[in-house]
Amino acid sequence: SKASSPHQQSSRINHHAAWLQWRAEKILDFHGRLARNIRNAIPNGKLYVATTAMQRSVELGSLLRPALPTNASVEELLLAVGIAPEKYVNYKDDIVLLRSRIVAPDFSSIDPAAAHQIDASLELDRRLSAVSKPGYLLQTHPREIRIPSFDVKSPFGAEFTHTRIAPHLVPSDSMNREVLVKSLAAADSDMLAIGGWMLTLGQEDSLRSLVSAYRQLPVGNYETVSGEHEPIVLRKLSVHGKTFAYLINQSDWKCDVALRLTTDRGVALEDISRNKDLPKTVQGHFRVPLDRYDFVALKFDGDDVDFGNVTVTFNQDVRGVLQQRINDLADRTIELKKSRNMDVLKNSSFELPESEGHIRGWKLTSGAGTSTRIDREEKKSGTGALCLQSDGNAATFVSNPFSPPRTGRLAFSVWLKTSRDFSGSLRLAISGRHQGREIYRFGMIPKSTEWQLFDYQIDDLPVADLSDLQVRFELRGKGKVWIDDIAVSKLHFSDNERKELSRILTQAHVALTSGKLSECERILDGYWPCFLKQHVSLPGPLIASAPETVRQTELLRSKEAVSEAESGEEKNSWWKTKLPAFLR
C-alpha cells in the first residue's frame, strides 16, 4: 500500500482512540445489564469483573512487555481489554473490578515480563481504587508437564494416551503471603479470591491466620491511620460499639510496632488473628510483633479507640540494606556500558578460508545470479570480508543456528558497505522457532558506499520455548554488499534506555531519603532492577572498590540530580558520577 501522510496517520490514531472509548462504553452497558439481572435475582449480589485479560492477552504483548520507557500507560492497557475504570463510578455498589495478580512457576503460556509488569503496577492499584473498593483475584497457574514415557507404557497404546500433570506450585512460608499482603496493603478490600485451575494445596499454615482474620473483619470503609510508620499499613473501623484494626507489614523484614492509644482508660483487646502473644487489656502503649509479610487483625472494646504515635522498630538495618541494593543496582547499570558479546556465530569476521566454495558457518539460499565469496581486498579489518552479490534475484545469507539468550533481548552490530551500482534493499534479520512457529524480526539498512557500523536491537524475544536463532542478511535487488565483523550481544542497552535506568535509581534514592521504605523496596523489586540483578554480573574488584564514605558522597549528589530533573535540565544523574572520566 502507499505510504500515508502524517495527517492520515494522526487521523487513524484519533479514530482508534475514539473506537476504544466507544467499545468501553458498550462493555460497561453490558456489565450494567448483567449487574441488574444479578441484583434482581439476589438482593445483595454483585458482578465481579476481572482484569486477568491484560496478563494473558497475546495481542497486548508489545504494550505489556517492559520497556525503557514504558510502551503504554495503565489507561491504555485497560482500554485495550475494554475497561475504562472511571465509567464504573455509578455502578460501585453493583460491580466490583477485580485487581488480578498471577503466581506462576511456568511461564510457557504467559510472558513473565508482562506478568511482572502488571503485578507490580502501583498505578493500576490507584486507578482501580479511585473508582470504588477493588477486589483482588490471586491466581496460581499450574506447572504443566507432559510425560511421554507414561504414554508408551499405556495398555491402550501411546497413540491413544496423553499423560499430563499440572501441579499448583506455591512459594513457601512468608513468601506465600507476599502477593496477598501487598494486595491488601495497596487498598482496603471487601473481596479476596484465591485459586487457579483448582485450590492450591500446600503451605496452608502460612495463610491460615491471615485468611481467618480477614474473614472475621466486618465490612466497612476502613480509615488509614496517617503517620510516618513505613512499611506498616494501619487501618481502623468503628462499628457496633467496637473498633476493629488491622496492621500489614508489606516488607520482607521482621519488626515490632509500638502503638499508643489516645484513650485514657484500659481497653479490652482481642487478637482476631490468634497468632500473637498480646495482652487482654491495653492502656497507653503496647507492642505488636510482625513477621515478614504479616497481617494482624485486632478488636478493641469501644468505638472511641484511636491511635496516636505509631513507631516501627526493625531487627536489622533496613535503610542500610536498601542503600546497598541501590548501590548494587548503580554498579550493574554502569556495567551495561561494557561490551558483552556472545560467542555464538561461527566465522563472524570471515577470517576462515572457504571450504569447497562455501563460507564456513554460513549458508546462502538464493536463485540464479547470486553468490558469496571471501574478498581479501575489500575488508574492514583482518584478512577478508564477506561479499554478497546478486544480479537481481533475492539472496539470503544465513548464519549457523544458536541458542537464544535468557534475557529476551538480542542486539547485533555489523560493518557494511554497498557497491556504487547497488539498487534494491538490504535487511538485517533474526529468525527462530517459538512453540513450533517461526518468529522473525528485521531492520532495513540504507545504501552506503563507505564502511559503516550498523546496530540492530531486539527487545521482545520470548524467554521460553525459543530455539534455533539465526542471523540473516537478505538482499533484494542488484549489486554487491560487503559484510565484516559481526558481533552479537544479549545485554545491549541504548543511551536512552540507560537514562531511564538512571531515573529508576533516582526514584529509589529519593524514596529512601524520604523515609518511604516500602516504596523504595517496591522500586527495587521492579522488573528492571530484578533483570539487572539476574543477568548482569559484577566483577569482584568493583564490589569492594567503593568505600562507604565515597558512596555517601555520591548519593548526596542525587539531590542535585532530582532538582535538575524537576527543573527540566538534562544533566548526568548522581550515579553516573561513579564512572571513570573516560567512560562517561
Protein backbone atom coordinates (compact mmCIF):
# COMPACT_ATOMS: atom_id res chain seq x y z
CA SER A 1 0.00 0.00 0.00
CA LYS A 2 1.08 3.61 -0.49
CA ALA A 3 2.70 5.42 2.41
CA SER A 4 0.19 7.51 4.34
CA SER A 5 0.73 11.15 5.25
CA PRO A 6 1.27 12.29 8.88
CA HIS A 7 -2.26 13.75 8.82
CA GLN A 8 -3.73 10.41 7.77
CA GLN A 9 -1.75 8.57 10.45
CA SER A 10 -2.91 11.03 13.12
CA SER A 11 -6.50 10.63 11.93
CA ARG A 12 -6.26 6.84 12.24
CA ILE A 13 -4.88 7.15 15.77
CA ASN A 14 -7.71 9.51 16.77
CA HIS A 15 -10.34 7.21 15.27
CA HIS A 16 -8.81 4.21 17.06
CA ALA A 17 -8.87 6.03 20.41
CA ALA A 18 -12.50 7.02 19.83
CA TRP A 19 -13.36 3.42 18.95
CA LEU A 20 -11.72 2.14 22.15
CA GLN A 21 -13.79 4.58 24.21
CA TRP A 22 -16.95 3.56 22.34
CA ARG A 23 -16.21 -0.13 22.94
CA ALA A 24 -15.57 0.50 26.65
CA GLU A 25 -18.96 2.19 26.93
CA LYS A 26 -20.66 -0.76 25.23
CA ILE A 27 -18.91 -3.23 27.54
CA LEU A 28 -19.90 -1.11 30.54
CA ASP A 29 -23.51 -1.15 29.34
CA PHE A 30 -23.34 -4.95 29.06
CA HIS A 31 -21.82 -5.25 32.55
CA GLY A 32 -24.53 -2.94 33.88
CA ARG A 33 -27.29 -5.14 32.48
CA LEU A 34 -25.64 -8.23 33.98
CA ALA A 35 -25.35 -6.49 37.35
CA ARG A 36 -29.05 -5.53 37.30
CA ASN A 37 -30.04 -9.11 36.48
CA ILE A 38 -27.89 -10.38 39.35
CA ARG A 39 -29.37 -7.80 41.72
CA ASN A 40 -32.92 -8.80 40.71
CA ALA A 41 -32.16 -12.46 41.40
CA ILE A 42 -30.01 -11.93 44.53
CA PRO A 43 -30.70 -8.72 46.52
CA ASN A 44 -27.11 -8.38 47.76
CA GLY A 45 -25.48 -9.86 44.67
CA LYS A 46 -22.63 -8.20 42.78
CA LEU A 47 -20.96 -8.64 39.43
CA TYR A 48 -17.21 -9.24 39.63
CA VAL A 49 -15.15 -8.18 36.61
CA ALA A 50 -11.56 -9.46 36.49
CA THR A 51 -8.68 -7.72 34.72
CA THR A 52 -6.89 -11.01 34.02
CA ALA A 53 -7.08 -10.45 30.27
CA MET A 54 -4.20 -7.98 30.47
CA GLN A 55 -1.72 -10.64 31.60
CA ARG A 56 -2.94 -13.33 29.24
CA SER A 57 -3.61 -11.28 26.12
CA VAL A 58 -1.34 -12.18 23.20
CA GLU A 59 -2.47 -9.05 21.35
CA LEU A 60 -1.24 -6.84 24.21
CA GLY A 61 2.20 -8.43 24.26
CA SER A 62 4.02 -5.47 22.71
CA LEU A 63 2.31 -2.98 25.05
CA LEU A 64 2.70 -5.09 28.18
CA ARG A 65 6.32 -6.03 27.75
CA PRO A 66 8.51 -3.83 29.99
CA ALA A 67 10.39 -1.20 28.06
CA LEU A 68 12.53 1.84 28.84
CA PRO A 69 10.47 4.00 28.84
CA THR A 70 7.19 2.10 29.13
CA ASN A 71 5.25 1.32 25.97
CA ALA A 72 1.79 2.20 27.27
CA SER A 73 0.03 3.81 30.20
CA VAL A 74 -2.26 1.90 32.55
CA GLU A 75 -5.22 3.71 30.98
CA GLU A 76 -4.25 2.43 27.53
CA LEU A 77 -3.82 -1.14 28.81
CA LEU A 78 -7.22 -1.15 30.50
CA LEU A 79 -8.88 0.32 27.43
CA ALA A 80 -7.20 -2.36 25.31
CA VAL A 81 -9.21 -5.00 27.19
CA GLY A 82 -12.37 -2.89 27.11
CA ILE A 83 -12.35 -1.38 30.62
CA ALA A 84 -12.50 2.32 31.48
CA PRO A 85 -12.49 2.32 35.33
CA GLU A 86 -13.79 5.87 35.73
CA LYS A 87 -17.01 4.90 33.93
CA TYR A 88 -17.84 2.37 36.68
CA VAL A 89 -18.34 5.02 39.40
CA ASN A 90 -22.12 4.91 39.06
CA TYR A 91 -22.05 1.12 39.49
CA LYS A 92 -19.77 0.98 42.55
CA ASP A 93 -22.44 -0.79 44.63
CA ASP A 94 -23.19 -3.38 41.96
CA ILE A 95 -19.90 -4.03 40.10
CA VAL A 96 -16.52 -4.85 41.65
CA LEU A 97 -13.39 -4.60 39.50
CA LEU A 98 -11.01 -7.38 40.49
CA ARG A 99 -7.32 -6.49 40.51
CA SER A 100 -5.63 -9.57 39.10
CA ARG A 101 -2.23 -10.91 40.14
CA ILE A 102 -0.61 -14.13 38.94
CA VAL A 103 1.69 -16.59 40.71
CA ALA A 104 3.14 -18.97 38.13
CA PRO A 105 6.21 -21.22 38.14
CA ASP A 106 5.65 -21.94 34.45
CA PHE A 107 5.55 -19.03 32.00
CA SER A 108 5.33 -21.03 28.78
CA SER A 109 1.87 -19.56 28.13
CA ILE A 110 2.36 -16.25 29.95
CA ASP A 111 5.05 -13.68 29.29
CA PRO A 112 6.82 -13.39 32.68
CA ALA A 113 7.93 -9.86 31.94
CA ALA A 114 4.35 -8.78 31.22
CA ALA A 115 3.05 -10.56 34.32
CA HIS A 116 5.71 -8.89 36.47
CA GLN A 117 4.92 -5.50 34.99
CA ILE A 118 1.21 -5.81 35.74
CA ASP A 119 1.64 -7.36 39.19
CA ALA A 120 3.97 -4.58 40.35
CA SER A 121 1.99 -1.69 38.85
CA LEU A 122 1.19 0.79 41.61
CA GLU A 123 -0.62 2.99 39.10
CA LEU A 124 -3.06 0.17 38.31
CA ASP A 125 -3.85 -0.14 42.02
CA ARG A 126 -4.51 3.59 42.19
CA ARG A 127 -6.73 3.66 39.11
CA LEU A 128 -8.96 0.85 40.33
CA SER A 129 -9.07 2.14 43.93
CA ALA A 130 -10.10 5.61 42.77
CA VAL A 131 -13.35 4.25 41.35
CA SER A 132 -14.55 2.12 44.25
CA LYS A 133 -13.30 -0.57 46.56
CA PRO A 134 -11.38 -3.01 44.40
CA GLY A 135 -11.42 -6.75 44.83
CA TYR A 136 -8.40 -8.97 44.42
CA LEU A 137 -8.05 -12.10 42.33
CA LEU A 138 -4.85 -14.00 43.08
CA GLN A 139 -4.32 -16.78 40.58
CA THR A 140 -1.90 -19.68 40.86
CA HIS A 141 -1.14 -21.09 37.44
CA PRO A 142 0.00 -24.72 37.32
CA ARG A 143 3.27 -26.08 36.03
CA GLU A 144 2.15 -28.20 33.08
CA ILE A 145 4.31 -31.26 32.48
CA ARG A 146 3.99 -33.83 29.72
CA ILE A 147 5.17 -37.40 30.46
CA PRO A 148 5.56 -39.25 27.12
CA SER A 149 7.20 -42.23 28.83
CA PHE A 150 3.87 -42.96 30.57
CA ASP A 151 2.09 -42.90 27.21
CA VAL A 152 4.48 -45.53 25.80
CA LYS A 153 3.66 -47.92 28.65
CA SER A 154 -0.08 -47.35 28.48
CA PRO A 155 -2.13 -50.56 27.96
CA PHE A 156 -4.27 -48.60 25.48
CA GLY A 157 -1.27 -47.70 23.28
CA ALA A 158 0.73 -44.49 23.08
CA GLU A 159 -1.41 -43.14 20.23
CA PHE A 160 -4.49 -43.22 22.48
CA THR A 161 -2.84 -41.86 25.64
CA HIS A 162 -1.85 -38.32 26.56
CA THR A 163 -0.42 -38.02 30.08
CA ARG A 164 -0.07 -34.57 31.58
CA ILE A 165 0.20 -33.41 35.18
CA ALA A 166 -0.41 -29.87 36.35
CA PRO A 167 0.76 -29.29 39.93
CA HIS A 168 0.00 -25.94 41.55
CA LEU A 169 3.38 -24.97 42.99
CA VAL A 170 3.32 -22.20 45.58
CA PRO A 171 6.05 -20.28 47.43
CA SER A 172 6.90 -21.37 50.96
CA ASP A 173 6.34 -19.79 54.37
CA SER A 174 6.24 -15.97 54.43
CA MET A 175 6.83 -15.70 50.67
CA ASN A 176 3.46 -17.40 50.15
CA ARG A 177 1.85 -14.34 51.80
CA GLU A 178 3.73 -11.74 49.79
CA VAL A 179 1.30 -11.23 46.89
CA LEU A 180 -1.71 -11.40 49.20
CA VAL A 181 -0.30 -8.96 51.76
CA LYS A 182 0.87 -6.44 49.16
CA SER A 183 -2.58 -6.51 47.58
CA LEU A 184 -4.30 -5.76 50.90
CA ALA A 185 -1.74 -3.02 51.63
CA ALA A 186 -2.47 -1.28 48.33
CA ALA A 187 -6.13 -0.66 49.20
CA ASP A 188 -8.75 -1.84 51.65
CA SER A 189 -10.89 -4.50 50.01
CA ASP A 190 -14.02 -6.47 50.92
CA MET A 191 -13.40 -9.18 48.33
CA LEU A 192 -10.43 -11.52 48.06
CA ALA A 193 -10.37 -14.57 45.77
CA ILE A 194 -7.50 -17.07 45.75
CA GLY A 195 -7.19 -20.02 43.40
CA GLY A 196 -6.46 -21.12 39.87
CA TRP A 197 -7.47 -24.22 37.99
CA MET A 198 -8.19 -25.64 41.43
CA LEU A 199 -7.49 -24.76 45.06
CA THR A 200 -3.80 -24.73 45.82
CA LEU A 201 -2.56 -27.45 48.16
CA GLY A 202 0.39 -26.98 50.47
CA GLN A 203 1.71 -24.14 52.65
CA GLU A 204 -1.73 -23.65 54.21
CA ASP A 205 -0.16 -22.82 57.59
CA SER A 206 1.42 -19.68 56.19
CA LEU A 207 -2.00 -18.31 55.17
CA ARG A 208 -4.34 -19.78 57.77
CA SER A 209 -4.24 -16.99 60.37
CA LEU A 210 -4.34 -14.28 57.70
CA VAL A 211 -7.36 -15.68 55.88
CA SER A 212 -9.16 -16.46 59.13
CA ALA A 213 -8.63 -12.94 60.50
CA TYR A 214 -9.61 -11.31 57.21
CA ARG A 215 -12.91 -13.22 57.15
CA GLN A 216 -13.78 -12.08 60.68
CA LEU A 217 -13.31 -8.38 59.98
CA PRO A 218 -16.62 -6.58 59.39
CA VAL A 219 -17.29 -4.97 56.02
CA GLY A 220 -16.91 -1.21 56.02
CA ASN A 221 -14.85 1.76 54.96
CA TYR A 222 -11.64 1.37 56.95
CA GLU A 223 -9.72 4.56 57.65
CA THR A 224 -5.98 4.54 57.06
CA VAL A 225 -4.11 5.86 60.11
CA SER A 226 -1.70 8.51 58.88
CA GLY A 227 1.84 8.97 60.08
CA GLU A 228 5.41 8.00 59.30
CA HIS A 229 5.46 4.30 60.03
CA GLU A 230 6.77 2.75 56.82
CA PRO A 231 6.43 -0.01 55.73
CA ILE A 232 3.44 -0.66 58.03
CA VAL A 233 -0.13 -0.01 56.93
CA LEU A 234 -2.63 0.54 59.76
CA ARG A 235 -6.37 0.85 59.14
CA LYS A 236 -9.31 1.03 61.56
CA LEU A 237 -13.11 0.94 61.61
CA SER A 238 -15.50 1.75 64.47
CA VAL A 239 -18.82 -0.07 64.30
CA HIS A 240 -21.42 -1.51 66.73
CA GLY A 241 -19.56 -0.29 69.81
CA LYS A 242 -16.29 -1.92 68.75
CA THR A 243 -13.15 -0.73 67.00
CA PHE A 244 -11.51 -3.07 64.52
CA ALA A 245 -7.99 -2.50 63.25
CA TYR A 246 -5.53 -4.39 61.12
CA LEU A 247 -1.81 -3.98 60.62
CA ILE A 248 0.04 -5.04 57.48
CA ASN A 249 3.77 -5.48 57.17
CA GLN A 250 4.27 -5.24 53.42
CA SER A 251 8.02 -5.86 53.63
CA ASP A 252 10.42 -8.77 53.92
CA TRP A 253 11.68 -7.54 57.32
CA LYS A 254 10.55 -8.57 60.78
CA CYS A 255 9.63 -5.65 63.02
CA ASP A 256 7.92 -4.55 66.24
CA VAL A 257 5.15 -1.95 66.06
CA ALA A 258 4.58 0.25 69.11
CA LEU A 259 1.03 1.63 69.25
CA ARG A 260 -0.27 4.35 71.59
CA LEU A 261 -3.97 4.60 72.30
CA THR A 262 -5.36 8.11 72.69
CA THR A 263 -7.94 6.98 75.29
CA ASP A 264 -7.02 7.19 78.99
CA ARG A 265 -8.96 4.12 80.07
CA GLY A 266 -7.93 0.50 79.81
CA VAL A 267 -9.37 -1.18 76.72
CA ALA A 268 -10.13 -4.87 76.24
CA LEU A 269 -8.18 -6.26 73.29
CA GLU A 270 -8.80 -9.40 71.23
CA ASP A 271 -6.27 -10.74 68.74
CA ILE A 272 -8.52 -11.93 65.93
CA SER A 273 -5.53 -13.44 64.18
CA ARG A 274 -4.84 -15.63 67.25
CA ASN A 275 -1.14 -15.91 66.49
CA LYS A 276 0.35 -13.16 68.71
CA ASP A 277 1.01 -13.08 72.43
CA LEU A 278 -0.84 -9.85 73.20
CA PRO A 279 -2.31 -8.61 76.49
CA LYS A 280 -6.05 -8.95 77.12
CA THR A 281 -6.29 -5.33 78.23
CA VAL A 282 -4.22 -2.39 76.97
CA GLN A 283 -3.78 1.18 78.15
CA GLY A 284 -1.45 3.70 76.62
CA HIS A 285 1.37 1.94 74.77
CA PHE A 286 1.54 -1.68 73.64
CA ARG A 287 3.62 -3.57 71.11
CA VAL A 288 2.69 -5.91 68.25
CA PRO A 289 5.44 -8.10 66.71
CA LEU A 290 5.07 -8.61 62.96
CA ASP A 291 6.66 -11.29 60.82
CA ARG A 292 7.68 -10.87 57.18
CA TYR A 293 4.64 -10.07 55.02
CA ASP A 294 2.41 -10.31 58.08
CA PHE A 295 -1.25 -9.42 58.66
CA VAL A 296 -2.68 -8.96 62.17
CA ALA A 297 -6.31 -8.08 62.97
CA LEU A 298 -7.36 -6.64 66.35
CA LYS A 299 -10.69 -5.89 68.05
CA PHE A 300 -10.98 -3.25 70.80
CA ASP A 301 -13.88 -2.83 73.21
CA GLY A 302 -15.36 0.57 72.43
CA ASP A 303 -15.90 2.70 69.37
CA ASP A 304 -13.83 5.63 70.68
CA VAL A 305 -10.45 3.93 70.22
CA ASP A 306 -7.92 5.91 68.23
CA PHE A 307 -4.18 5.75 67.70
CA GLY A 308 -1.55 8.36 68.42
CA ASN A 309 2.10 7.68 67.71
CA VAL A 310 2.96 4.54 65.74
CA THR A 311 6.62 3.55 65.91
CA VAL A 312 8.29 0.78 63.91
CA THR A 313 11.47 -0.96 65.08
CA PHE A 314 13.34 -3.40 62.84
CA ASN A 315 15.63 -6.23 63.83
CA GLN A 316 18.12 -5.17 61.15
CA ASP A 317 19.48 -2.06 59.46
CA VAL A 318 16.78 -1.77 56.81
CA ARG A 319 17.96 1.56 55.47
CA GLY A 320 21.46 0.14 55.11
CA VAL A 321 20.12 -2.90 53.26
CA LEU A 322 18.14 -0.72 50.85
CA GLN A 323 21.09 1.61 50.37
CA GLN A 324 23.29 -1.35 49.48
CA ARG A 325 20.70 -2.56 46.96
CA ILE A 326 20.68 0.90 45.35
CA ASN A 327 24.48 0.86 45.20
CA ASP A 328 24.38 -2.62 43.67
CA LEU A 329 21.86 -1.51 41.06
CA ALA A 330 24.00 1.50 40.19
CA ASP A 331 27.07 -0.72 39.74
CA ARG A 332 25.18 -3.11 37.47
CA THR A 333 23.81 -0.20 35.42
CA ILE A 334 27.35 1.07 34.92
CA GLU A 335 28.44 -2.41 33.82
CA LEU A 336 25.97 -2.18 30.93
CA LYS A 337 28.32 0.23 29.16
CA LYS A 338 30.83 -2.57 28.76
CA SER A 339 30.55 -4.73 25.66
CA ARG A 340 29.40 -8.29 26.35
CA ASN A 341 29.44 -10.16 23.06
CA MET A 342 28.14 -13.70 22.75
CA ASP A 343 30.46 -16.18 21.10
CA VAL A 344 27.67 -17.89 19.14
CA LEU A 345 28.48 -17.21 15.48
CA LYS A 346 30.96 -19.34 13.60
CA ASN A 347 33.27 -17.30 11.43
CA SER A 348 31.71 -13.96 12.42
CA SER A 349 34.60 -11.97 10.92
CA PHE A 350 35.04 -14.23 7.87
CA GLU A 351 38.67 -14.99 8.60
CA LEU A 352 38.31 -18.72 7.92
CA PRO A 353 39.07 -19.83 4.34
CA GLU A 354 36.28 -21.05 2.10
CA SER A 355 35.62 -24.78 2.10
CA GLU A 356 34.61 -26.27 -1.27
CA GLY A 357 33.17 -22.92 -2.34
CA HIS A 358 31.15 -22.45 0.83
CA ILE A 359 31.56 -19.89 3.62
CA ARG A 360 32.17 -21.75 6.85
CA GLY A 361 29.40 -21.26 9.43
CA TRP A 362 27.06 -19.65 6.88
CA LYS A 363 24.62 -20.71 4.18
CA LEU A 364 23.41 -18.96 1.03
CA THR A 365 19.84 -19.62 -0.12
CA SER A 366 19.05 -17.84 -3.34
CA GLY A 367 18.24 -18.04 -7.02
CA ALA A 368 20.44 -17.85 -10.09
CA GLY A 369 22.85 -14.98 -10.39
CA THR A 370 23.68 -14.76 -6.67
CA SER A 371 26.95 -15.68 -4.98
CA THR A 372 29.15 -15.23 -1.92
CA ARG A 373 32.93 -15.13 -1.58
CA ILE A 374 35.64 -14.01 0.81
CA ASP A 375 37.08 -10.74 -0.50
CA ARG A 376 40.70 -10.31 0.58
CA GLU A 377 40.97 -6.84 -0.94
CA GLU A 378 37.85 -5.06 0.30
CA LYS A 379 37.68 -5.53 4.07
CA LYS A 380 37.07 -3.57 7.25
CA SER A 381 39.60 -5.45 9.37
CA GLY A 382 41.50 -8.71 9.47
CA THR A 383 42.33 -10.58 6.30
CA GLY A 384 38.97 -10.51 4.50
CA ALA A 385 35.26 -9.66 4.38
CA LEU A 386 32.21 -11.42 3.00
CA CYS A 387 30.99 -10.22 -0.38
CA LEU A 388 27.33 -10.95 -1.15
CA GLN A 389 26.43 -10.33 -4.79
CA SER A 390 23.26 -10.57 -6.88
CA ASP A 391 22.31 -9.84 -10.48
CA GLY A 392 18.78 -9.04 -9.37
CA ASN A 393 17.40 -12.16 -7.71
CA ALA A 394 16.78 -12.35 -3.98
CA ALA A 395 19.70 -13.63 -1.90
CA THR A 396 19.55 -14.70 1.76
CA PHE A 397 22.74 -15.26 3.75
CA VAL A 398 22.06 -17.18 6.99
CA SER A 399 24.28 -17.96 9.99
CA ASN A 400 24.51 -21.18 11.95
CA PRO A 401 21.66 -21.75 14.47
CA PHE A 402 22.43 -20.80 18.07
CA SER A 403 20.70 -20.95 21.44
CA PRO A 404 18.78 -17.82 22.47
CA PRO A 405 19.78 -15.69 25.47
CA ARG A 406 17.66 -15.83 28.62
CA THR A 407 17.34 -12.05 28.64
CA GLY A 408 14.67 -11.78 25.94
CA ARG A 409 16.94 -9.22 24.29
CA LEU A 410 19.37 -9.51 21.41
CA ALA A 411 21.47 -6.99 19.53
CA PHE A 412 23.99 -7.37 16.79
CA SER A 413 26.31 -4.94 15.10
CA VAL A 414 27.95 -5.32 11.71
CA TRP A 415 30.22 -3.31 9.42
CA LEU A 416 28.70 -2.94 5.94
CA LYS A 417 29.24 -1.17 2.67
CA THR A 418 27.50 -1.42 -0.70
CA SER A 419 28.74 -1.07 -4.27
CA ARG A 420 28.03 2.15 -6.13
CA ASP A 421 25.65 0.36 -8.51
CA PHE A 422 23.69 -1.19 -5.59
CA SER A 423 19.94 -0.97 -6.16
CA GLY A 424 17.28 -2.61 -4.05
CA SER A 425 17.06 -3.25 -0.33
CA LEU A 426 19.03 -5.00 2.39
CA ARG A 427 17.61 -6.43 5.61
CA LEU A 428 19.32 -7.41 8.83
CA ALA A 429 17.11 -10.00 10.47
CA ILE A 430 16.79 -12.58 13.21
CA SER A 431 14.70 -15.73 12.84
CA GLY A 432 13.95 -18.64 15.15
CA ARG A 433 11.38 -21.15 16.37
CA HIS A 434 8.94 -20.49 19.21
CA GLN A 435 6.43 -23.15 20.26
CA GLY A 436 6.56 -24.75 16.81
CA ARG A 437 6.13 -21.48 14.92
CA GLU A 438 8.68 -19.26 13.21
CA ILE A 439 9.46 -15.84 14.62
CA TYR A 440 11.08 -13.15 12.52
CA ARG A 441 12.38 -9.64 13.28
CA PHE A 442 14.16 -7.37 10.81
CA GLY A 443 15.58 -3.91 10.23
CA MET A 444 16.35 -2.10 6.96
CA ILE A 445 19.87 -0.97 6.02
CA PRO A 446 20.36 2.13 3.84
CA LYS A 447 22.84 2.28 0.96
CA SER A 448 26.40 3.22 1.97
CA THR A 449 29.40 3.17 -0.34
CA GLU A 450 31.76 3.57 2.64
CA TRP A 451 32.26 1.18 5.55
CA GLN A 452 29.65 1.98 8.20
CA LEU A 453 28.72 0.34 11.50
CA PHE A 454 25.06 -0.67 11.84
CA ASP A 455 23.33 -1.79 15.04
CA TYR A 456 20.08 -3.71 15.26
CA GLN A 457 18.42 -4.31 18.63
CA ILE A 458 15.52 -6.62 19.51
CA ASP A 459 13.97 -6.45 22.98
CA ASP A 460 10.84 -8.58 22.65
CA LEU A 461 12.13 -12.13 22.17
CA PRO A 462 10.21 -14.87 24.03
CA VAL A 463 12.10 -16.08 27.09
CA ALA A 464 10.69 -19.61 26.98
CA ASP A 465 10.44 -22.28 24.26
CA LEU A 466 12.64 -20.32 21.84
CA SER A 467 15.26 -22.12 19.76
CA ASP A 468 17.34 -22.11 16.57
CA LEU A 469 18.07 -18.41 16.33
CA GLN A 470 19.87 -17.31 13.17
CA VAL A 471 21.29 -14.03 11.90
CA ARG A 472 20.14 -13.25 8.36
CA PHE A 473 21.19 -10.82 5.65
CA GLU A 474 18.54 -10.54 2.93
CA LEU A 475 19.43 -8.81 -0.33
CA ARG A 476 16.64 -7.81 -2.69
CA GLY A 477 18.00 -6.20 -5.86
CA LYS A 478 21.16 -5.84 -7.87
CA GLY A 479 24.67 -5.09 -6.60
CA LYS A 480 27.26 -6.07 -4.03
CA VAL A 481 27.28 -5.89 -0.24
CA TRP A 482 30.40 -6.35 1.88
CA ILE A 483 29.92 -7.64 5.42
CA ASP A 484 32.53 -7.81 8.20
CA ASP A 485 32.99 -8.08 11.99
CA ILE A 486 29.55 -9.21 13.17
CA ALA A 487 29.05 -9.04 16.96
CA VAL A 488 26.07 -10.43 18.89
CA SER A 489 25.15 -9.21 22.37
CA LYS A 490 22.45 -10.19 24.87
CA LEU A 491 22.75 -7.09 27.09
CA HIS A 492 22.94 -4.09 24.79
CA PHE A 493 21.12 -1.04 26.19
CA SER A 494 20.86 2.21 24.27
CA ASP A 495 21.75 5.60 25.76
CA ASN A 496 18.04 6.41 26.19
CA GLU A 497 17.44 3.11 27.97
CA ARG A 498 20.32 3.73 30.37
CA LYS A 499 18.90 7.19 31.01
CA GLU A 500 15.61 5.58 32.04
CA LEU A 501 17.50 3.22 34.34
CA SER A 502 19.09 6.28 35.95
CA ARG A 503 15.58 7.60 36.63
CA ILE A 504 14.71 4.37 38.43
CA LEU A 505 17.86 4.74 40.53
CA THR A 506 16.99 8.32 41.41
CA GLN A 507 13.40 7.37 42.31
CA ALA A 508 14.64 4.65 44.66
CA HIS A 509 17.15 7.01 46.26
CA VAL A 510 14.56 9.77 46.77
CA ALA A 511 12.10 7.27 48.29
CA LEU A 512 14.75 6.04 50.72
CA THR A 513 15.88 9.50 51.80
CA SER A 514 12.21 10.50 52.26
CA GLY A 515 11.61 7.55 54.59
CA LYS A 516 9.31 5.76 52.14
CA LEU A 517 10.85 2.35 52.73
CA SER A 518 8.11 0.23 51.15
CA GLU A 519 8.07 2.41 48.03
CA CYS A 520 11.85 2.13 47.78
CA GLU A 521 11.62 -1.65 48.12
CA ARG A 522 8.84 -1.78 45.51
CA ILE A 523 11.01 0.16 43.05
CA LEU A 524 13.97 -2.13 43.69
CA ASP A 525 11.74 -5.18 43.27
CA GLY A 526 10.57 -3.88 39.88
CA TYR A 527 11.20 -5.64 36.62
CA TRP A 528 14.35 -3.80 35.52
CA PRO A 529 16.23 -3.93 38.85
CA CYS A 530 15.46 -7.66 39.02
CA PHE A 531 16.52 -8.05 35.38
CA LEU A 532 19.90 -6.44 36.04
CA LYS A 533 20.44 -8.48 39.19
CA GLN A 534 19.73 -11.70 37.29
CA HIS A 535 21.67 -11.02 34.11
CA VAL A 536 24.44 -8.50 34.87
CA SER A 537 27.31 -9.84 36.96
CA LEU A 538 29.71 -7.66 38.91
CA PRO A 539 33.47 -8.19 38.92
CA GLY A 540 34.97 -8.78 42.35
CA PRO A 541 37.20 -5.67 42.43
CA LEU A 542 34.23 -3.42 41.57
CA ILE A 543 32.22 -4.67 44.55
CA ALA A 544 34.96 -3.74 47.00
CA SER A 545 36.26 -0.64 45.25
CA ALA A 546 33.86 2.00 46.59
CA PRO A 547 34.27 2.76 50.33
CA GLU A 548 31.11 3.75 52.20
CA THR A 549 32.30 7.35 52.59
CA VAL A 550 32.73 7.66 48.83
CA ARG A 551 29.31 6.14 48.19
CA GLN A 552 27.64 8.52 50.63
CA THR A 553 29.28 11.47 48.88
CA GLU A 554 27.99 10.22 45.54
CA LEU A 555 24.49 9.66 46.91
CA LEU A 556 24.32 13.19 48.26
CA ARG A 557 24.70 14.39 44.68
CA SER A 558 21.41 12.71 43.81
CA LYS A 559 19.57 15.59 45.46
CA GLU A 560 21.08 17.87 42.85
CA ALA A 561 20.08 15.40 40.12
CA VAL A 562 16.50 15.33 41.38
CA SER A 563 16.20 19.13 41.44
CA GLU A 564 17.73 19.28 37.96
CA ALA A 565 15.22 16.70 36.69
CA GLU A 566 12.34 18.65 38.21
CA SER A 567 13.54 21.86 36.57
CA GLY A 568 13.81 20.09 33.22
CA GLU A 569 17.61 20.33 32.95
CA GLU A 570 19.34 17.40 31.25
CA LYS A 571 22.42 16.65 33.29
CA ASN A 572 24.14 13.50 34.50
CA SER A 573 22.30 11.51 37.15
CA TRP A 574 24.02 11.08 40.51
CA TRP A 575 25.09 7.51 39.86
CA LYS A 576 26.88 8.45 36.63
CA THR A 577 29.47 10.38 38.63
CA LYS A 578 30.76 6.98 39.78
CA LEU A 579 32.03 6.35 36.26
CA PRO A 580 35.67 6.93 35.48
CA ALA A 581 36.06 10.01 33.31
CA PHE A 582 36.93 8.01 30.19
CA LEU A 583 33.63 6.07 30.42
CA ARG A 584 31.27 8.98 30.96
